[in-house]
N, C-alpha and C. Protein backbone atom coordinates (compact mmCIF):
# COMPACT_ATOMS: atom_id res chain seq x y z
N MET A 1 0.95 -0.79 -0.03
CA MET A 1 -0.29 0.21 -0.10
C MET A 1 0.65 0.92 -0.02
N LEU A 2 -0.03 2.52 -1.25
CA LEU A 2 1.07 3.26 -0.78
C LEU A 2 0.87 4.25 0.04
N SER A 3 2.43 4.91 1.01
CA SER A 3 1.84 6.29 1.75
C SER A 3 1.30 7.33 1.57
N ARG A 4 1.01 7.85 2.36
CA ARG A 4 0.15 9.21 1.70
C ARG A 4 0.97 10.18 0.94
N SER A 5 2.52 10.21 1.49
CA SER A 5 2.89 10.95 0.63
C SER A 5 3.64 10.65 -0.90
N ASN A 6 3.60 9.11 -0.85
CA ASN A 6 3.53 8.39 -2.71
C ASN A 6 2.53 8.75 -3.20
N TRP A 7 0.98 8.67 -2.28
CA TRP A 7 -0.01 9.49 -3.56
C TRP A 7 -0.37 10.29 -3.64
N LEU A 8 0.80 11.42 -3.04
CA LEU A 8 0.33 13.14 -3.34
C LEU A 8 0.79 13.08 -4.70
N ILE A 9 2.41 12.65 -4.40
CA ILE A 9 3.50 12.47 -5.17
C ILE A 9 2.97 11.83 -7.13
N LEU A 10 2.61 10.61 -6.82
CA LEU A 10 1.33 10.08 -8.06
C LEU A 10 0.40 10.95 -8.67
N GLY A 11 -0.47 11.57 -7.15
CA GLY A 11 -1.61 12.70 -7.91
C GLY A 11 -1.34 13.78 -8.55
N LEU A 12 0.08 14.24 -8.32
CA LEU A 12 0.62 15.95 -9.19
C LEU A 12 1.59 15.58 -10.20
N ALA A 13 1.73 13.78 -10.19
CA ALA A 13 2.32 13.61 -11.39
C ALA A 13 1.35 13.27 -12.86
N VAL A 14 0.13 12.34 -12.11
CA VAL A 14 -0.75 12.10 -13.23
C VAL A 14 -1.67 13.74 -13.56
N LEU A 15 -1.39 14.72 -12.49
CA LEU A 15 -1.99 16.21 -12.81
C LEU A 15 -1.45 17.28 -14.14
N ALA A 16 0.21 16.38 -13.41
CA ALA A 16 1.24 17.41 -14.43
C ALA A 16 1.41 16.76 -15.84
N ALA A 17 0.88 15.43 -15.90
CA ALA A 17 0.54 14.77 -18.05
C ALA A 17 -0.25 15.20 -18.13
N ALA A 18 -1.39 15.33 -17.74
CA ALA A 18 -3.00 15.37 -18.05
C ALA A 18 -2.80 17.19 -18.48
N LEU A 19 -2.03 18.09 -17.84
CA LEU A 19 -1.86 19.44 -18.23
C LEU A 19 -0.93 19.71 -19.06
N GLY A 20 0.58 18.65 -19.47
CA GLY A 20 0.76 18.39 -20.78
C GLY A 20 0.56 18.26 -22.00
N GLY A 21 -0.80 17.10 -21.69
CA GLY A 21 -1.13 16.66 -22.49
C GLY A 21 -2.31 17.35 -23.42
N TYR A 22 -2.75 18.52 -22.52
CA TYR A 22 -3.75 19.01 -23.21
C TYR A 22 -3.10 19.96 -23.74
N ALA A 23 -2.46 21.14 -23.46
CA ALA A 23 -1.37 22.20 -24.11
C ALA A 23 -1.09 21.46 -25.02
N GLN A 24 0.09 20.18 -25.33
CA GLN A 24 -0.03 20.04 -26.10
C GLN A 24 -1.07 20.05 -27.72
N HIS A 25 -2.30 19.31 -27.11
CA HIS A 25 -2.93 18.73 -28.04
C HIS A 25 -3.01 20.34 -28.27
N ARG A 26 -3.45 21.79 -27.36
CA ARG A 26 -4.19 22.96 -27.85
C ARG A 26 -3.01 23.47 -28.89
N SER A 27 -2.11 23.21 -28.69
CA SER A 27 -0.58 24.21 -29.50
C SER A 27 -0.25 23.24 -30.56
N GLN A 28 -1.22 21.81 -30.65
CA GLN A 28 -0.98 21.42 -32.23
C GLN A 28 -2.32 21.89 -33.28
N GLN A 29 -3.37 22.24 -32.63
CA GLN A 29 -4.34 23.38 -33.38
C GLN A 29 -4.63 24.20 -33.76
N PRO A 30 -5.08 24.35 -35.29
CA PRO A 30 -5.05 26.07 -35.99
C PRO A 30 -5.52 26.66 -35.00
N ALA A 31 -5.86 27.80 -34.77
CA ALA A 31 -6.28 29.10 -34.16
C ALA A 31 -7.81 29.09 -35.43
N PRO A 32 -8.65 29.15 -34.70
CA PRO A 32 -9.59 29.16 -35.61
C PRO A 32 -10.44 31.20 -35.71
N MET A 33 -10.47 30.82 -37.13
CA MET A 33 -9.93 32.33 -37.57
C MET A 33 -11.76 32.89 -37.75
N GLY A 34 -12.88 32.13 -37.49
CA GLY A 34 -13.77 32.57 -37.59
C GLY A 34 -14.00 32.83 -39.25
N THR A 35 -15.14 33.05 -39.10
CA THR A 35 -16.33 34.01 -40.00
C THR A 35 -15.72 35.12 -40.49
N PRO A 36 -15.03 35.62 -41.49
CA PRO A 36 -14.78 36.93 -42.24
C PRO A 36 -16.14 37.38 -42.36
N ALA A 37 -16.75 38.11 -41.43
CA ALA A 37 -17.67 39.29 -41.34
C ALA A 37 -17.86 39.42 -42.98
N ILE A 38 -19.44 39.09 -43.55
CA ILE A 38 -20.03 40.03 -44.71
C ILE A 38 -19.48 41.29 -44.66
N GLY A 39 -18.85 41.79 -45.50
CA GLY A 39 -18.78 43.13 -45.84
C GLY A 39 -17.44 43.37 -45.65
N GLN A 40 -16.65 42.64 -45.25
CA GLN A 40 -15.23 43.38 -44.69
C GLN A 40 -14.66 42.28 -46.30
N PRO A 41 -13.03 43.52 -46.81
CA PRO A 41 -12.42 43.27 -47.24
C PRO A 41 -11.71 41.52 -47.72
N LEU A 42 -11.81 40.85 -49.03
CA LEU A 42 -11.50 40.05 -49.76
C LEU A 42 -9.45 40.04 -49.25
N PRO A 43 -9.23 39.06 -47.84
CA PRO A 43 -7.44 39.19 -47.69
C PRO A 43 -6.66 39.14 -48.77
N ALA A 44 -5.68 39.83 -48.32
CA ALA A 44 -5.06 39.13 -50.11
C ALA A 44 -3.94 38.12 -49.88
N ILE A 45 -4.65 37.79 -50.57
CA ILE A 45 -3.94 35.71 -50.82
C ILE A 45 -3.70 36.00 -52.31
N SER A 46 -2.80 35.22 -52.53
CA SER A 46 -1.83 34.96 -53.86
C SER A 46 -1.83 33.37 -54.21
N LEU A 47 -2.42 32.94 -54.70
CA LEU A 47 -2.29 31.15 -55.00
C LEU A 47 -1.76 31.27 -56.52
N PRO A 48 -1.59 29.89 -56.74
CA PRO A 48 -0.81 29.09 -58.13
C PRO A 48 -1.64 28.70 -58.72
N ASP A 49 -0.82 28.22 -60.18
CA ASP A 49 -2.09 28.34 -60.83
C ASP A 49 -1.89 27.15 -61.55
N LEU A 50 -2.45 26.06 -62.10
CA LEU A 50 -1.49 24.78 -62.17
C LEU A 50 -0.40 24.44 -62.62
N ASP A 51 0.38 25.65 -64.00
CA ASP A 51 1.43 26.45 -64.29
C ASP A 51 2.38 26.67 -62.96
N GLY A 52 1.67 26.98 -61.58
CA GLY A 52 2.91 27.22 -60.47
C GLY A 52 3.06 28.78 -60.96
N LYS A 53 2.28 29.56 -61.28
CA LYS A 53 2.07 30.96 -61.49
C LYS A 53 1.28 31.73 -61.01
N PRO A 54 1.81 32.73 -59.89
CA PRO A 54 1.11 32.99 -58.71
C PRO A 54 -0.26 34.28 -59.57
N HIS A 55 -0.93 34.06 -58.22
CA HIS A 55 -2.19 35.31 -58.89
C HIS A 55 -2.92 35.51 -57.42
N LEU A 56 -2.65 37.30 -57.58
CA LEU A 56 -3.54 37.39 -56.19
C LEU A 56 -5.05 37.36 -56.89
N LEU A 57 -5.85 36.87 -55.58
CA LEU A 57 -7.33 36.95 -55.83
C LEU A 57 -7.30 38.49 -55.63
N GLY A 58 -6.76 39.29 -55.21
CA GLY A 58 -7.58 41.32 -55.58
C GLY A 58 -7.66 41.16 -56.55
N ASP A 59 -6.53 40.63 -57.52
CA ASP A 59 -6.94 40.94 -58.71
C ASP A 59 -8.02 41.46 -59.62
N TYR A 60 -8.90 40.09 -58.90
CA TYR A 60 -10.38 40.17 -59.98
C TYR A 60 -11.44 41.52 -59.53
N ARG A 61 -10.75 42.22 -59.09
CA ARG A 61 -11.76 43.29 -58.20
C ARG A 61 -12.34 43.96 -59.43
N GLY A 62 -13.32 44.49 -59.63
CA GLY A 62 -14.54 44.84 -60.29
C GLY A 62 -14.95 44.16 -60.98
N ARG A 63 -14.75 42.56 -60.45
CA ARG A 63 -15.64 41.74 -61.31
C ARG A 63 -16.40 41.18 -60.27
N ARG A 64 -17.76 40.12 -60.30
CA ARG A 64 -17.91 40.24 -59.14
C ARG A 64 -17.10 38.39 -59.07
N VAL A 65 -16.77 37.82 -57.89
CA VAL A 65 -16.46 36.28 -57.90
C VAL A 65 -16.72 35.61 -57.15
N LEU A 66 -16.89 34.32 -57.43
CA LEU A 66 -16.79 32.84 -56.28
C LEU A 66 -16.32 32.12 -56.30
N LEU A 67 -15.21 32.50 -55.23
CA LEU A 67 -14.62 31.75 -54.86
C LEU A 67 -14.91 29.70 -54.99
N ASN A 68 -15.05 29.12 -55.67
CA ASN A 68 -15.42 27.08 -55.27
C ASN A 68 -14.17 26.78 -54.29
N PHE A 69 -14.21 26.16 -53.60
CA PHE A 69 -13.06 25.29 -52.77
C PHE A 69 -13.46 24.15 -53.11
N TRP A 70 -12.76 23.13 -53.95
CA TRP A 70 -12.91 21.77 -53.64
C TRP A 70 -11.92 20.81 -54.13
N ALA A 71 -11.89 19.87 -54.49
CA ALA A 71 -10.76 18.52 -54.48
C ALA A 71 -11.64 17.23 -55.30
N SER A 72 -10.24 16.54 -56.08
CA SER A 72 -10.26 15.17 -57.01
C SER A 72 -10.92 14.54 -56.18
N TRP A 73 -11.03 13.93 -54.69
CA TRP A 73 -11.72 13.37 -53.79
C TRP A 73 -13.06 13.35 -53.90
N CYS A 74 -13.65 14.62 -53.13
CA CYS A 74 -14.59 14.95 -52.84
C CYS A 74 -15.76 14.98 -54.39
N VAL A 75 -16.43 13.97 -54.24
CA VAL A 75 -18.09 13.45 -54.21
C VAL A 75 -18.62 14.56 -54.53
N PRO A 76 -19.13 15.69 -53.35
CA PRO A 76 -20.10 16.68 -53.45
C PRO A 76 -19.76 18.00 -54.57
N CYS A 77 -18.09 17.66 -54.17
CA CYS A 77 -17.51 19.02 -54.81
C CYS A 77 -17.78 18.54 -56.68
N LEU A 78 -17.57 17.32 -56.91
CA LEU A 78 -17.51 16.80 -58.12
C LEU A 78 -19.09 16.84 -59.19
N ALA A 79 -20.16 16.50 -58.13
CA ALA A 79 -21.52 16.73 -58.74
C ALA A 79 -21.83 17.95 -59.16
N GLU A 80 -21.15 19.06 -57.94
CA GLU A 80 -21.17 20.63 -58.45
C GLU A 80 -20.47 21.18 -59.82
N MET A 81 -19.72 20.93 -59.90
CA MET A 81 -18.81 21.34 -61.18
C MET A 81 -19.20 22.12 -62.64
N PRO A 82 -20.30 20.35 -62.65
CA PRO A 82 -21.07 21.14 -64.20
C PRO A 82 -22.14 21.97 -64.15
N ALA A 83 -22.14 22.54 -62.79
CA ALA A 83 -23.38 23.64 -62.93
C ALA A 83 -22.25 24.55 -62.73
N LEU A 84 -21.00 24.54 -62.03
CA LEU A 84 -20.46 25.54 -61.84
C LEU A 84 -20.07 26.48 -63.62
N THR A 85 -19.59 25.11 -64.13
CA THR A 85 -19.48 25.04 -65.56
C THR A 85 -20.24 25.74 -66.55
N ARG A 86 -21.40 25.16 -66.59
CA ARG A 86 -23.01 25.97 -66.93
C ARG A 86 -22.79 27.43 -66.93
N ALA A 87 -23.11 28.08 -65.35
CA ALA A 87 -23.25 29.21 -64.63
C ALA A 87 -22.04 29.95 -65.73
N GLN A 88 -20.91 29.82 -65.35
CA GLN A 88 -19.91 30.15 -66.34
C GLN A 88 -20.32 30.48 -67.59
N GLU A 89 -20.30 29.78 -68.14
CA GLU A 89 -20.65 29.71 -70.13
C GLU A 89 -22.09 30.99 -69.61
N LYS A 90 -22.70 30.98 -69.35
CA LYS A 90 -24.14 31.73 -69.22
C LYS A 90 -23.60 33.16 -68.97
N PHE A 91 -22.47 33.65 -68.13
CA PHE A 91 -22.42 34.41 -67.64
C PHE A 91 -21.40 35.26 -68.23
N GLY A 92 -21.15 33.91 -69.11
CA GLY A 92 -19.69 34.74 -69.60
C GLY A 92 -18.56 35.70 -69.00
N GLU A 93 -17.74 36.08 -69.69
CA GLU A 93 -16.50 37.09 -69.62
C GLU A 93 -17.24 38.64 -69.02
N HIS A 94 -18.00 39.10 -69.45
CA HIS A 94 -18.45 40.20 -68.98
C HIS A 94 -19.25 40.17 -67.27
N ALA A 95 -19.64 39.60 -67.01
CA ALA A 95 -19.89 39.38 -65.94
C ALA A 95 -19.26 38.36 -65.47
N PRO A 96 -20.25 37.96 -63.82
CA PRO A 96 -18.84 37.46 -62.50
C PRO A 96 -18.26 36.31 -62.90
N ILE A 97 -17.35 35.80 -62.41
CA ILE A 97 -16.42 35.06 -62.77
C ILE A 97 -16.04 33.94 -61.68
N VAL A 98 -15.90 32.70 -61.61
CA VAL A 98 -16.31 31.09 -61.02
C VAL A 98 -14.63 31.19 -61.49
N ILE A 99 -13.67 31.02 -59.50
CA ILE A 99 -12.90 30.74 -60.00
C ILE A 99 -12.55 29.82 -58.79
N GLY A 100 -12.08 28.20 -59.42
CA GLY A 100 -12.46 26.78 -58.84
C GLY A 100 -10.76 27.25 -57.89
N ILE A 101 -11.14 26.50 -56.50
CA ILE A 101 -9.65 26.50 -55.60
C ILE A 101 -9.12 25.37 -55.35
N ALA A 102 -8.29 24.39 -55.63
CA ALA A 102 -8.35 22.56 -55.56
C ALA A 102 -7.38 22.63 -54.35
N MET A 103 -8.01 21.58 -53.42
CA MET A 103 -7.83 21.97 -51.99
C MET A 103 -7.18 20.23 -52.08
N ASP A 104 -6.02 20.18 -52.84
CA ASP A 104 -5.65 19.28 -53.30
C ASP A 104 -4.25 18.79 -53.85
N GLU A 105 -3.53 18.08 -54.09
CA GLU A 105 -2.01 17.92 -55.31
C GLU A 105 -2.26 18.23 -56.35
N SER A 106 -1.60 18.95 -56.46
CA SER A 106 -1.23 19.98 -58.24
C SER A 106 -1.43 18.48 -58.93
N ALA A 107 -0.44 16.93 -58.83
CA ALA A 107 -0.67 16.61 -59.82
C ALA A 107 -2.49 15.62 -60.11
N HIS A 108 -3.13 15.17 -59.17
CA HIS A 108 -4.67 14.89 -58.50
C HIS A 108 -5.19 15.47 -59.39
N VAL A 109 -5.24 17.22 -60.28
CA VAL A 109 -5.84 17.70 -59.61
C VAL A 109 -5.68 17.83 -61.71
N ARG A 110 -4.85 17.61 -62.00
CA ARG A 110 -4.48 17.88 -63.41
C ARG A 110 -4.70 16.99 -63.99
N ALA A 111 -4.52 15.59 -63.48
CA ALA A 111 -5.00 14.44 -64.26
C ALA A 111 -6.86 14.71 -64.42
N PHE A 112 -7.53 14.99 -63.22
CA PHE A 112 -8.93 15.10 -63.15
C PHE A 112 -9.15 16.42 -63.56
N LEU A 113 -8.44 17.09 -63.91
CA LEU A 113 -8.91 18.31 -65.17
C LEU A 113 -9.11 17.76 -66.50
N ALA A 114 -8.02 16.93 -66.82
CA ALA A 114 -7.43 16.20 -67.82
C ALA A 114 -8.91 15.38 -68.52
N ALA A 115 -9.56 14.89 -67.80
CA ALA A 115 -10.80 14.11 -67.83
C ALA A 115 -11.96 14.83 -67.95
N HIS A 116 -12.20 15.76 -67.15
CA HIS A 116 -12.96 16.47 -66.66
C HIS A 116 -13.02 18.02 -67.02
N PRO A 117 -12.21 18.41 -68.31
CA PRO A 117 -12.22 20.29 -67.84
C PRO A 117 -13.35 20.69 -67.51
N VAL A 118 -12.73 22.26 -67.04
CA VAL A 118 -14.23 22.89 -66.58
C VAL A 118 -13.59 24.32 -67.63
N ASN A 119 -14.74 25.52 -67.75
CA ASN A 119 -14.13 26.60 -68.46
C ASN A 119 -13.85 27.75 -67.64
N TYR A 120 -13.12 27.38 -66.63
CA TYR A 120 -12.92 28.37 -65.72
C TYR A 120 -12.02 28.06 -64.88
N PRO A 121 -10.93 29.69 -63.95
CA PRO A 121 -9.61 29.10 -63.71
C PRO A 121 -9.54 28.56 -62.86
N ILE A 122 -8.76 27.61 -62.79
CA ILE A 122 -8.60 26.66 -61.40
C ILE A 122 -7.17 27.36 -60.78
N LEU A 123 -7.10 27.39 -59.19
CA LEU A 123 -6.20 27.41 -58.26
C LEU A 123 -5.60 26.68 -57.47
N ILE A 124 -4.65 26.60 -56.99
CA ILE A 124 -4.45 25.98 -56.22
C ILE A 124 -4.17 26.25 -54.56
N GLY A 125 -4.51 25.64 -54.43
CA GLY A 125 -5.07 26.27 -52.43
C GLY A 125 -3.97 25.71 -51.65
N GLN A 126 -3.70 26.64 -50.55
CA GLN A 126 -2.47 26.15 -49.40
C GLN A 126 -3.65 25.10 -48.62
N MET A 127 -3.05 24.26 -48.08
CA MET A 127 -3.68 23.14 -47.02
C MET A 127 -3.10 23.53 -45.53
N SER A 128 -1.18 23.90 -45.68
CA SER A 128 -1.21 23.62 -44.67
C SER A 128 -1.74 24.42 -44.03
N PRO A 129 -1.94 24.67 -42.27
CA PRO A 129 -2.24 25.73 -41.57
C PRO A 129 -1.59 27.35 -41.84
N PRO A 130 -2.83 28.09 -41.78
CA PRO A 130 -3.95 27.73 -41.66
C PRO A 130 -4.15 27.57 -43.17
N SER A 131 -5.39 26.88 -43.83
CA SER A 131 -5.08 26.12 -45.13
C SER A 131 -6.75 27.65 -45.49
N THR A 132 -6.36 27.92 -46.59
CA THR A 132 -7.00 29.13 -47.83
C THR A 132 -8.17 29.17 -47.53
N SER A 133 -8.89 27.99 -47.63
CA SER A 133 -10.36 27.76 -47.04
C SER A 133 -10.77 27.99 -45.49
N LEU A 134 -9.90 28.01 -44.87
CA LEU A 134 -9.82 28.59 -43.39
C LEU A 134 -9.60 29.82 -43.16
N GLN A 135 -8.57 30.37 -43.90
CA GLN A 135 -8.73 32.14 -44.00
C GLN A 135 -9.82 33.22 -44.62
N LEU A 136 -10.80 31.88 -45.21
CA LEU A 136 -12.26 32.82 -45.78
C LEU A 136 -12.81 31.78 -44.85
N GLY A 137 -12.93 31.62 -44.00
CA GLY A 137 -14.17 31.45 -42.44
C GLY A 137 -14.08 29.98 -42.98
N ASN A 138 -14.21 29.14 -43.41
CA ASN A 138 -14.32 27.36 -43.71
C ASN A 138 -13.61 27.18 -42.43
N ILE A 139 -13.43 27.25 -41.12
CA ILE A 139 -13.90 26.89 -39.84
C ILE A 139 -14.11 24.75 -39.96
N HIS A 140 -15.23 24.90 -40.31
CA HIS A 140 -15.22 22.99 -40.43
C HIS A 140 -14.20 22.59 -41.12
N GLN A 141 -13.58 23.33 -42.29
CA GLN A 141 -12.97 22.38 -43.45
C GLN A 141 -13.74 22.03 -44.26
N VAL A 142 -15.03 22.31 -44.52
CA VAL A 142 -15.67 21.07 -45.49
C VAL A 142 -15.82 21.51 -46.95
N LEU A 143 -16.05 20.60 -47.44
CA LEU A 143 -15.83 20.93 -49.10
C LEU A 143 -16.66 20.44 -49.41
N PRO A 144 -17.46 20.90 -50.64
CA PRO A 144 -17.04 22.23 -51.69
C PRO A 144 -17.72 22.91 -50.53
N TYR A 145 -16.38 24.60 -50.98
CA TYR A 145 -17.55 25.60 -49.98
C TYR A 145 -17.23 26.26 -50.74
N SER A 146 -17.90 27.83 -50.45
CA SER A 146 -17.72 29.05 -51.58
C SER A 146 -18.24 30.57 -50.49
N VAL A 147 -17.25 30.92 -51.71
CA VAL A 147 -17.35 32.33 -51.15
C VAL A 147 -17.46 33.50 -51.87
N LEU A 148 -18.76 34.15 -52.43
CA LEU A 148 -19.14 35.34 -52.78
C LEU A 148 -18.29 36.63 -52.84
N ILE A 149 -17.40 37.14 -53.63
CA ILE A 149 -16.82 38.66 -53.27
C ILE A 149 -17.18 39.48 -54.32
N GLY A 150 -18.15 40.60 -54.19
CA GLY A 150 -18.58 41.80 -54.90
C GLY A 150 -17.46 42.19 -55.52
N ALA A 151 -17.57 42.65 -56.72
CA ALA A 151 -17.23 43.69 -57.30
C ALA A 151 -15.94 44.94 -56.74
N ASP A 152 -16.76 45.52 -55.89
CA ASP A 152 -15.99 45.87 -54.81
C ASP A 152 -14.73 45.12 -54.02
N GLY A 153 -14.54 44.00 -53.71
CA GLY A 153 -13.56 43.36 -53.16
C GLY A 153 -13.94 43.03 -51.51
N HIS A 154 -15.62 43.06 -51.83
CA HIS A 154 -15.55 43.09 -50.29
C HIS A 154 -16.27 41.28 -50.54
N ILE A 155 -16.84 40.82 -49.05
CA ILE A 155 -16.71 39.37 -48.98
C ILE A 155 -18.62 39.69 -48.59
N LEU A 156 -19.59 38.95 -50.07
CA LEU A 156 -20.98 39.05 -49.88
C LEU A 156 -21.61 38.23 -48.98
N ALA A 157 -20.82 36.93 -49.66
CA ALA A 157 -21.50 35.41 -48.80
C ALA A 157 -20.76 34.69 -48.68
N THR A 158 -20.69 33.32 -48.08
CA THR A 158 -20.23 32.10 -47.58
C THR A 158 -21.42 31.08 -48.06
N HIS A 159 -20.91 30.14 -48.10
CA HIS A 159 -22.13 28.82 -48.38
C HIS A 159 -20.62 27.36 -48.05
N ALA A 160 -21.27 26.33 -46.97
CA ALA A 160 -20.69 26.10 -47.19
C ALA A 160 -21.64 24.46 -47.12
N GLY A 161 -21.07 23.67 -48.41
CA GLY A 161 -21.40 22.85 -48.92
C GLY A 161 -21.87 23.17 -50.52
N PRO A 162 -22.23 21.75 -51.49
CA PRO A 162 -22.58 22.25 -52.85
C PRO A 162 -24.08 23.68 -52.80
N LEU A 163 -23.53 23.71 -54.11
CA LEU A 163 -24.48 24.81 -53.87
C LEU A 163 -25.38 24.87 -55.03
N SER A 164 -26.92 25.18 -54.62
CA SER A 164 -28.28 24.67 -55.50
C SER A 164 -27.83 25.57 -56.62
N ALA A 165 -28.45 25.48 -58.21
CA ALA A 165 -28.67 25.99 -59.43
C ALA A 165 -29.07 27.31 -59.22
N ALA A 166 -30.11 27.49 -58.50
CA ALA A 166 -30.65 28.56 -58.15
C ALA A 166 -29.94 29.13 -57.38
N GLN A 167 -29.12 29.06 -56.16
CA GLN A 167 -28.40 29.62 -55.85
C GLN A 167 -26.92 30.37 -56.15
N LEU A 168 -26.73 29.17 -57.01
CA LEU A 168 -25.74 30.13 -58.30
C LEU A 168 -26.12 31.39 -59.07
N GLU A 169 -28.07 31.13 -59.18
CA GLU A 169 -27.90 32.18 -60.75
C GLU A 169 -28.35 33.33 -59.36
N GLN A 170 -28.78 32.80 -58.61
CA GLN A 170 -28.89 34.62 -57.87
C GLN A 170 -27.42 34.79 -57.41
N TRP A 171 -26.44 34.34 -57.24
CA TRP A 171 -25.34 34.29 -56.66
C TRP A 171 -24.70 35.41 -57.73
N LEU A 172 -24.93 34.80 -58.66
CA LEU A 172 -23.82 35.37 -60.19
C LEU A 172 -25.03 36.31 -61.36
N ALA A 173 -26.41 36.60 -60.92
CA ALA A 173 -27.47 36.86 -61.46
C ALA A 173 -26.45 38.40 -61.89
N PRO A 174 -26.49 39.13 -63.13
CA PRO A 174 -25.76 39.98 -63.40
C PRO A 174 -26.18 41.53 -62.44
N GLY A 175 -25.79 42.41 -62.09
CA GLY A 175 -26.53 43.32 -61.52
C GLY A 175 -26.73 43.00 -59.59
N HIS A 176 -26.86 42.24 -59.71
CA HIS A 176 -27.23 41.62 -58.29
C HIS A 176 -26.53 41.50 -56.89
N GLU A 177 -25.98 42.47 -56.24
CA GLU A 177 -25.12 42.74 -55.25
C GLU A 177 -26.14 42.31 -54.02
N GLN A 178 -25.46 41.55 -53.66
CA GLN A 178 -26.17 40.90 -51.95
C GLN A 178 -24.98 42.01 -51.23
N ARG A 179 -26.16 42.04 -49.60
CA ARG A 179 -25.64 42.77 -49.08
C ARG A 179 -26.23 42.61 -47.11
């Protein structure tokens, strides 16, 4: 049987181990960034295209932009892509632009797009913490995830999960700014 002092030492050791484990767990988790406030400016984010050329998202200012986060392994993302392609085709070059941001390896994205081409630009998102989608409010890291940016460069809306055809129509309709 343990003496009183041994029980005290054992209790303190267990408490120290539990606190150390908790502190280590907390330090490995990315700090939640929260959803960017609707109406706030788009953060300065630069992402590479499939050729490695960087693109500053702010360069699209002057047009409404739908950022759509996806991955080649995400079944709901892949089901949503034909609707995004049709929407980009419908609204053309003078209206909003869809930009796909692949949260995936470049090789997987290239292979997927070779078999399933799209008519909108594809950029490669940063997957290491904080990921590009987390920087834009995707705190649960769900795919697909969409962010609507106004022509003035401010965030108009965010949506986790696939966009419906009606939502796409509403988000991309000419002259329709949400606030």
